Amino acid sequence: MRKPHTSTLPDFPWDTLAAAKARAGEHPGGMVDLSVGTPVDPVPEIGREALQGATNWPGYPTTLGTPALQDAIASYLTGRLGVADPGVTAAGDRPVVGVPAIGTKELVAQLPHQLGLGPEDTLIIPEVAYPTYAVGGALARCRVIVCDDPAQAPPAAMAWINSPSNPTGAVASAETLRGWVTWARANDAILAADECYLEFGWEADPQSILHPNICGGSHANLLSAHSLSKRSNLAGYRAGFVAGDPVLLAELLEVRKHSGFMMPGPIQDVMAALLVDHDHVAIQRERYAARRAALRPALERVGFTIHHSQAGLYLWATRGEHGRDSVAFLAEHGILVAPGDFYGAASGEFVRIAMTATDERVQAAVDRLV
C-alpha cells in the first residue's frame, strides 16, 4: 500500500503557537509578532521599477533564466562574495552560473529528491536547524541524521550546513567550512550550504563555501543557496538561486526543466536588477542593526541571555527555563516569539526572536520589557 508523504512529515510547528498568539493579541497595545522572519520593509525602488518594466512576458520563461539573470548572479558571486569568476567556454559562452529557485525554501525541500537521494541514502543536517532540511530528507525518504562537526561526520550522500545559522545566528569558522569541504570530497558527497543570511554579519564576517579560501578554487561537490527574501525584502516575489559545482548544477537544471520549476519572467528581471545593487542592502542592514541594538538590551533587562547571534536576523535567547515558558512569559507582554523546540531537540531552553518587525512594533516591544 502506498505510504503518503504526510506520514513522514512533522506537524507544521507554527500551528502550536495558537494559544500564545491569542494571549499576546489581548495586550492593550496589540501584539508584537517577532515569531517569523518575514520582511516588513518596502521592496527597494529599483526592484519595483524593474517589475513595472517587465510586464510584457507572454511566453514561457526558461528554468535557467535569462542571460541578464545569469550575468547578475555571476556579478553577485564575484563582486560581493569573492567567488572566482567561472569565465567563458571555448565557444565564448558562459557556463551555468546559478540555477534560479522559486524561493529558496522550495530548493531546500526539493534538493535531496531532485539530486537523486532516496531510501538507501543518508542526509546530514545541523543539530539546531531550520525545519525544512529534515522535511527535504523526509520527502526524499532518505535517512536523516544530525551532525555539526565534519571531523565526526559519517559517510553520507549529502549534508546541509547553514552559516549564518537560522535560528542561532552562529557563524561557522573558516576551519569548520574547510572541514566540511574536505569531508564532502573524501566521501564523494554533496555539501549544500544555506547562505541566505550571509549579508547580515554583525559580530563576525560570514564567508561562502565557494570562496577560494574555503574551497581551494574548485566548486566540486559544493552547492551554495542564496535568497533575496531578506537582503532585498523580496519574500513575496519568491526569488533565490543555487550556485556551485557545474556538474551538480547541470543535473539539477535538467530535473527542474522536466518538472516545470520555472521562475516567472518578471521576477527574473527584478532579481537581476537587485542582485547587482548593494546600496539597498546597506540601507536594510542599518534598519536591522538599529532594531537589534534596541531589542538585545531590552531582553537582557528581563533575564534573557543572548547566545551566538553573531549574524542574521534573529536573537537566540534563553532565561534558563523551557522555551515554551519563555514564549508564555513574552506573550503576557504582548510579544510573540518562536520556541527553540521548533529547531531541534537540543534547543528546548531557547527562543528565537526576529528583528523583522517595523520600527514602531520593535519599540513597542522594548517599551514593554521593563
Protein backbone atom coordinates (compact mmCIF):
# COMPACT_ATOMS: atom_id res chain seq x y z
CA MET A 1 0.00 0.00 0.00
CA ARG A 2 1.24 3.48 -0.85
CA LYS A 3 2.78 5.39 2.04
CA PRO A 4 1.76 9.08 1.77
CA HIS A 5 4.41 11.76 2.25
CA THR A 6 2.31 13.28 5.02
CA SER A 7 3.02 10.22 7.15
CA THR A 8 6.71 11.17 7.23
CA LEU A 9 6.30 14.91 7.75
CA PRO A 10 6.26 16.63 11.15
CA ASP A 11 3.38 18.78 12.32
CA PHE A 12 3.65 22.33 11.00
CA PRO A 13 5.35 23.97 14.01
CA TRP A 14 3.68 27.38 13.94
CA ASP A 15 0.29 25.72 14.43
CA THR A 16 1.35 25.03 18.03
CA LEU A 17 1.58 28.75 18.83
CA ALA A 18 -2.15 29.39 18.66
CA ALA A 19 -2.64 29.83 22.44
CA ALA A 20 0.39 32.11 22.84
CA LYS A 21 -0.69 34.14 19.85
CA ALA A 22 -4.15 34.58 21.30
CA ARG A 23 -2.71 35.68 24.66
CA ALA A 24 -0.30 38.14 23.05
CA GLY A 25 -3.16 39.54 20.99
CA GLU A 26 -5.03 40.50 24.17
CA HIS A 27 -2.42 43.14 25.05
CA PRO A 28 -3.94 46.66 25.01
CA GLY A 29 -1.25 47.84 22.62
CA GLY A 30 -1.74 44.92 20.27
CA MET A 31 0.54 42.01 19.56
CA VAL A 32 4.17 42.46 18.52
CA ASP A 33 4.89 39.46 16.31
CA LEU A 34 8.58 38.57 16.44
CA SER A 35 7.98 34.87 15.73
CA VAL A 36 8.59 34.74 11.99
CA GLY A 37 11.28 36.12 9.72
CA THR A 38 9.03 37.73 7.15
CA PRO A 39 10.22 41.14 5.89
CA VAL A 40 8.07 44.18 6.60
CA ASP A 41 10.15 46.92 4.98
CA PRO A 42 9.48 48.14 1.43
CA VAL A 43 10.65 46.39 -1.70
CA PRO A 44 13.53 48.58 -2.95
CA GLU A 45 12.57 51.12 -5.56
CA ILE A 46 14.97 49.63 -8.10
CA GLY A 47 13.10 46.34 -7.84
CA ARG A 48 9.67 47.92 -8.23
CA GLU A 49 10.86 49.86 -11.27
CA ALA A 50 12.19 46.65 -12.80
CA LEU A 51 8.84 44.96 -12.24
CA GLN A 52 6.97 47.82 -13.89
CA GLY A 53 9.16 47.43 -16.96
CA ALA A 54 8.76 43.65 -17.09
CA THR A 55 5.04 43.25 -17.69
CA ASN A 56 5.28 42.07 -21.32
CA TRP A 57 6.21 38.43 -20.75
CA PRO A 58 3.75 36.45 -22.93
CA GLY A 59 5.94 33.36 -23.38
CA TYR A 60 7.25 30.71 -21.04
CA PRO A 61 10.37 31.60 -19.09
CA THR A 62 13.27 29.16 -19.07
CA THR A 63 14.29 27.23 -16.00
CA LEU A 64 17.84 28.54 -16.41
CA GLY A 65 16.66 32.15 -16.55
CA THR A 66 17.61 34.98 -18.84
CA PRO A 67 21.20 35.81 -19.81
CA ALA A 68 20.80 39.01 -17.79
CA LEU A 69 19.92 36.98 -14.70
CA GLN A 70 22.87 34.63 -15.20
CA ASP A 71 25.17 37.65 -15.55
CA ALA A 72 23.70 39.22 -12.40
CA ILE A 73 24.24 36.00 -10.41
CA ALA A 74 27.85 35.90 -11.64
CA SER A 75 28.34 39.55 -10.72
CA TYR A 76 26.94 38.99 -7.22
CA LEU A 77 29.07 35.93 -6.58
CA THR A 78 32.29 37.53 -7.76
CA GLY A 79 31.76 41.12 -6.68
CA ARG A 80 30.03 40.60 -3.35
CA LEU A 81 31.15 37.17 -2.16
CA GLY A 82 34.63 36.97 -3.68
CA VAL A 83 33.85 33.80 -5.64
CA ALA A 84 36.16 33.09 -8.59
CA ASP A 85 34.64 34.07 -11.95
CA PRO A 86 33.76 30.92 -13.93
CA GLY A 87 34.80 32.72 -17.14
CA VAL A 88 33.57 31.60 -20.55
CA THR A 89 33.90 28.42 -22.55
CA ALA A 90 36.00 27.97 -25.67
CA ALA A 91 32.85 28.71 -27.67
CA GLY A 92 32.53 32.07 -25.96
CA ASP A 93 29.58 31.05 -23.77
CA ARG A 94 29.32 31.47 -20.03
CA PRO A 95 28.63 28.14 -18.27
CA VAL A 96 25.67 27.82 -15.94
CA VAL A 97 26.50 30.06 -13.00
CA GLY A 98 23.40 29.53 -10.90
CA VAL A 99 20.04 27.78 -11.09
CA PRO A 100 17.13 30.05 -10.13
CA ALA A 101 14.86 28.88 -7.32
CA ILE A 102 11.24 29.86 -6.78
CA GLY A 103 12.10 30.96 -3.27
CA THR A 104 14.92 29.14 -1.52
CA LYS A 105 12.57 27.15 0.73
CA GLU A 106 11.38 25.07 -2.22
CA LEU A 107 15.02 24.43 -3.10
CA VAL A 108 15.83 23.25 0.43
CA ALA A 109 12.80 20.98 0.47
CA GLN A 110 13.34 19.58 -3.03
CA LEU A 111 17.13 19.39 -3.36
CA PRO A 112 17.72 15.88 -1.94
CA HIS A 113 14.97 14.42 -4.14
CA GLN A 114 16.00 16.39 -7.24
CA LEU A 115 19.60 15.22 -6.86
CA GLY A 116 18.51 11.60 -6.66
CA LEU A 117 18.68 10.79 -2.96
CA GLY A 118 16.38 8.02 -1.83
CA PRO A 119 15.72 5.44 0.90
CA GLU A 120 19.25 3.99 0.66
CA ASP A 121 20.90 7.36 1.28
CA THR A 122 21.81 9.39 4.36
CA LEU A 123 21.33 13.15 4.70
CA ILE A 124 23.19 15.08 7.41
CA ILE A 125 21.64 18.25 8.84
CA PRO A 126 22.66 20.59 11.69
CA GLU A 127 21.58 19.66 15.21
CA VAL A 128 19.80 23.00 15.66
CA ALA A 129 18.29 23.79 12.31
CA TYR A 130 15.65 25.27 10.08
CA PRO A 131 12.98 22.51 9.94
CA THR A 132 12.88 22.30 6.13
CA TYR A 133 16.22 20.49 5.93
CA ALA A 134 14.60 17.50 7.66
CA VAL A 135 11.48 17.91 5.53
CA GLY A 136 13.63 17.61 2.40
CA GLY A 137 15.04 14.36 3.71
CA ALA A 138 11.56 13.08 4.51
CA LEU A 139 10.28 13.92 1.03
CA ALA A 140 13.20 12.01 -0.49
CA ARG A 141 12.56 9.21 2.03
CA CYS A 142 16.22 9.11 2.99
CA ARG A 143 17.76 8.64 6.43
CA VAL A 144 18.31 11.94 8.26
CA ILE A 145 20.93 12.33 10.98
CA VAL A 146 22.31 15.37 12.80
CA CYS A 147 25.97 16.34 13.00
CA ASP A 148 27.76 19.69 13.36
CA ASP A 149 31.39 18.53 13.28
CA PRO A 150 32.86 17.50 9.95
CA ALA A 151 35.56 15.54 11.76
CA GLN A 152 32.83 13.38 13.33
CA ALA A 153 30.52 13.16 10.32
CA PRO A 154 29.96 9.65 8.95
CA PRO A 155 29.87 8.88 5.24
CA ALA A 156 26.66 10.18 3.66
CA ALA A 157 25.22 11.16 0.30
CA MET A 158 24.66 14.78 1.25
CA ALA A 159 24.99 17.27 4.09
CA TRP A 160 23.32 20.61 4.72
CA ILE A 161 25.24 23.29 6.60
CA ASN A 162 23.89 26.73 7.47
CA SER A 163 26.06 29.77 8.15
CA PRO A 164 24.93 32.24 9.35
CA SER A 165 22.56 29.91 11.14
CA ASN A 166 18.82 30.16 11.31
CA PRO A 167 17.85 30.14 14.18
CA THR A 168 21.00 30.75 16.24
CA GLY A 169 22.86 33.38 14.20
CA ALA A 170 26.10 31.42 14.68
CA VAL A 171 28.78 31.88 12.00
CA ALA A 172 30.89 28.87 11.06
CA SER A 173 34.63 29.40 11.19
CA ALA A 174 36.74 29.11 8.06
CA GLU A 175 38.31 26.00 9.60
CA THR A 176 34.90 24.37 10.04
CA LEU A 177 33.83 25.24 6.50
CA ARG A 178 37.07 23.82 5.09
CA GLY A 179 36.49 20.71 7.17
CA TRP A 180 33.10 20.17 5.57
CA VAL A 181 34.55 20.69 2.09
CA THR A 182 37.20 18.08 2.85
CA TRP A 183 34.54 15.70 4.18
CA ALA A 184 32.41 16.10 1.05
CA ARG A 185 35.25 15.35 -1.31
CA ALA A 186 36.58 12.44 0.76
CA ASN A 187 33.12 10.83 0.68
CA ASP A 188 32.15 11.93 -2.83
CA ALA A 189 29.16 13.59 -1.16
CA ILE A 190 27.19 16.75 -1.88
CA LEU A 191 27.77 19.62 0.52
CA ALA A 192 24.90 22.12 0.35
CA ALA A 193 25.37 25.39 2.23
CA ASP A 194 22.37 27.56 3.06
CA GLU A 195 23.89 31.04 2.92
CA CYS A 196 20.68 33.09 2.84
CA TYR A 197 21.76 35.33 5.75
CA LEU A 198 25.29 35.99 4.51
CA GLU A 199 24.67 39.72 4.03
CA PHE A 200 23.97 40.33 7.71
CA GLY A 201 27.08 39.72 9.76
CA TRP A 202 27.18 41.75 12.99
CA GLU A 203 29.96 40.33 15.15
CA ALA A 204 31.56 38.12 12.50
CA ASP A 205 32.22 38.20 8.77
CA PRO A 206 30.46 35.20 7.20
CA GLN A 207 32.14 33.50 4.23
CA SER A 208 30.69 31.45 1.41
CA ILE A 209 31.88 27.90 0.90
CA LEU A 210 32.53 28.94 -2.71
CA HIS A 211 35.18 31.47 -1.66
CA PRO A 212 38.62 30.35 -2.86
CA ASN A 213 39.96 30.49 0.70
CA ILE A 214 37.40 27.85 1.67
CA CYS A 215 37.04 25.63 -1.40
CA GLY A 216 40.57 25.90 -2.79
CA GLY A 217 39.34 27.40 -6.03
CA SER A 218 37.26 24.35 -7.03
CA HIS A 219 33.49 24.09 -6.64
CA ALA A 220 33.47 20.30 -6.96
CA ASN A 221 30.87 18.67 -4.65
CA LEU A 222 29.63 22.08 -3.43
CA LEU A 223 26.32 23.91 -3.71
CA SER A 224 25.55 27.31 -2.19
CA ALA A 225 21.94 28.53 -1.77
CA HIS A 226 21.06 32.23 -1.73
CA SER A 227 17.88 34.21 -1.31
CA LEU A 228 16.68 37.73 -2.00
CA SER A 229 13.92 37.45 0.61
CA LYS A 230 15.92 39.03 3.41
CA ARG A 231 18.64 41.07 1.65
CA SER A 232 16.12 42.73 -0.71
CA ASN A 233 12.76 42.34 1.10
CA LEU A 234 11.64 40.11 -1.76
CA ALA A 235 10.00 37.27 0.16
CA GLY A 236 6.69 37.81 -1.62
CA TYR A 237 8.36 37.52 -5.02
CA ARG A 238 9.92 34.08 -4.32
CA ALA A 239 13.42 34.65 -5.68
CA GLY A 240 16.61 32.76 -4.95
CA PHE A 241 19.27 30.68 -6.63
CA VAL A 242 21.81 27.93 -6.09
CA ALA A 243 25.39 28.08 -7.37
CA GLY A 244 28.44 25.82 -7.24
CA ASP A 245 29.56 22.57 -8.85
CA PRO A 246 28.76 22.79 -12.60
CA VAL A 247 28.10 19.04 -12.79
CA LEU A 248 25.56 19.19 -9.96
CA LEU A 249 24.00 22.35 -11.41
CA ALA A 250 23.56 20.70 -14.80
CA GLU A 251 21.89 17.68 -13.17
CA LEU A 252 19.65 19.90 -11.09
CA LEU A 253 18.75 22.06 -14.07
CA GLU A 254 17.72 19.04 -16.14
CA VAL A 255 15.44 17.70 -13.39
CA ARG A 256 13.89 21.11 -12.81
CA LYS A 257 13.31 21.64 -16.54
CA HIS A 258 11.38 18.39 -16.77
CA SER A 259 9.44 19.27 -13.61
CA GLY A 260 8.47 22.79 -14.69
CA PHE A 261 10.32 24.66 -11.96
CA MET A 262 10.42 27.98 -13.80
CA MET A 263 10.82 31.33 -12.08
CA PRO A 264 8.28 33.76 -13.58
CA GLY A 265 9.88 36.04 -16.16
CA PRO A 266 9.07 39.35 -14.46
CA ILE A 267 10.61 38.06 -11.23
CA GLN A 268 13.78 37.18 -13.13
CA ASP A 269 14.05 40.79 -14.28
CA VAL A 270 13.54 42.10 -10.74
CA MET A 271 16.10 39.68 -9.36
CA ALA A 272 18.66 40.65 -12.00
CA ALA A 273 18.27 44.33 -11.12
CA LEU A 274 18.56 43.80 -7.36
CA LEU A 275 21.48 41.37 -7.36
CA VAL A 276 23.80 43.95 -8.88
CA ASP A 277 22.76 46.74 -6.49
CA HIS A 278 24.18 46.80 -2.98
CA ASP A 279 23.04 50.25 -1.88
CA HIS A 280 19.58 48.98 -0.90
CA VAL A 281 21.18 46.16 1.10
CA ALA A 282 23.26 48.67 3.06
CA ILE A 283 20.08 50.59 3.92
CA GLN A 284 18.38 47.41 5.09
CA ARG A 285 21.41 46.47 7.20
CA GLU A 286 21.09 49.80 9.02
CA ARG A 287 17.43 49.08 9.78
CA TYR A 288 18.17 45.67 11.23
CA ALA A 289 21.21 46.90 13.13
CA ALA A 290 19.09 49.55 14.86
CA ARG A 291 16.37 47.06 15.79
CA ARG A 292 18.97 44.63 17.09
CA ALA A 293 20.59 47.36 19.19
CA ALA A 294 17.22 48.16 20.76
CA LEU A 295 15.93 44.61 21.32
CA ARG A 296 19.01 42.98 22.78
CA PRO A 297 19.39 45.11 25.94
CA ALA A 298 15.63 45.09 26.47
CA LEU A 299 15.60 41.29 26.53
CA GLU A 300 18.61 41.20 28.81
CA ARG A 301 16.82 43.52 31.26
CA VAL A 302 14.15 40.88 31.85
CA GLY A 303 16.55 37.99 32.34
CA PHE A 304 17.38 36.70 28.90
CA THR A 305 20.90 35.75 27.87
CA ILE A 306 21.74 36.04 24.18
CA HIS A 307 23.77 33.20 22.68
CA HIS A 308 25.57 33.24 19.32
CA SER A 309 23.54 35.78 17.29
CA GLN A 310 26.70 36.93 15.53
CA ALA A 311 24.79 37.38 12.29
CA GLY A 312 21.38 37.05 10.71
CA LEU A 313 18.00 38.49 11.63
CA TYR A 314 17.30 36.75 14.95
CA LEU A 315 18.33 36.81 18.58
CA TRP A 316 18.78 33.35 20.11
CA ALA A 317 17.88 33.79 23.75
CA THR A 318 17.26 31.84 26.95
CA ARG A 319 16.13 32.53 30.51
CA GLY A 320 17.33 29.13 31.72
CA GLU A 321 13.82 27.68 31.50
CA HIS A 322 11.91 25.70 28.91
CA GLY A 323 11.48 27.77 25.78
CA ARG A 324 7.70 27.34 25.89
CA ASP A 325 7.71 29.02 29.31
CA SER A 326 9.66 31.91 27.81
CA VAL A 327 7.12 32.08 24.97
CA ALA A 328 4.35 32.34 27.58
CA PHE A 329 6.26 34.98 29.54
CA LEU A 330 6.66 37.18 26.48
CA ALA A 331 3.06 36.57 25.39
CA GLU A 332 1.97 38.13 28.69
CA HIS A 333 3.75 41.26 27.44
CA GLY A 334 2.00 41.04 24.08
CA ILE A 335 5.10 39.70 22.28
CA LEU A 336 5.05 36.52 20.21
CA VAL A 337 8.31 34.61 19.59
CA ALA A 338 9.24 31.15 18.31
CA PRO A 339 10.21 28.42 20.80
CA GLY A 340 13.55 26.73 20.35
CA ASP A 341 11.97 23.28 20.06
CA PHE A 342 10.91 24.24 16.53
CA TYR A 343 14.56 23.81 15.59
CA GLY A 344 15.51 20.52 17.22
CA ALA A 345 15.57 18.62 20.49
CA ALA A 346 18.80 20.27 21.64
CA SER A 347 17.32 23.78 21.75
CA GLY A 348 14.40 23.35 24.13
CA GLU A 349 15.50 26.13 26.53
CA PHE A 350 15.76 28.79 23.83
CA VAL A 351 13.52 31.13 21.89
CA ARG A 352 14.14 32.77 18.53
CA ILE A 353 13.29 36.45 18.38
CA ALA A 354 13.06 38.04 14.95
CA MET A 355 14.08 41.57 14.07
CA THR A 356 11.71 41.56 11.11
CA ALA A 357 9.09 43.89 12.55
CA THR A 358 8.55 47.58 11.93
CA ASP A 359 10.47 50.13 13.97
CA GLU A 360 7.24 51.05 15.73
CA ARG A 361 6.48 47.44 16.72
CA VAL A 362 10.06 46.82 17.85
CA GLN A 363 9.92 49.94 20.00
CA ALA A 364 6.60 48.76 21.44
CA ALA A 365 8.25 45.51 22.48
CA VAL A 366 11.20 47.38 24.02
CA ASP A 367 8.86 49.64 25.99
CA ARG A 368 7.05 46.61 27.46
CA LEU A 369 10.24 44.85 28.61
CA VAL A 370 10.97 46.88 31.73
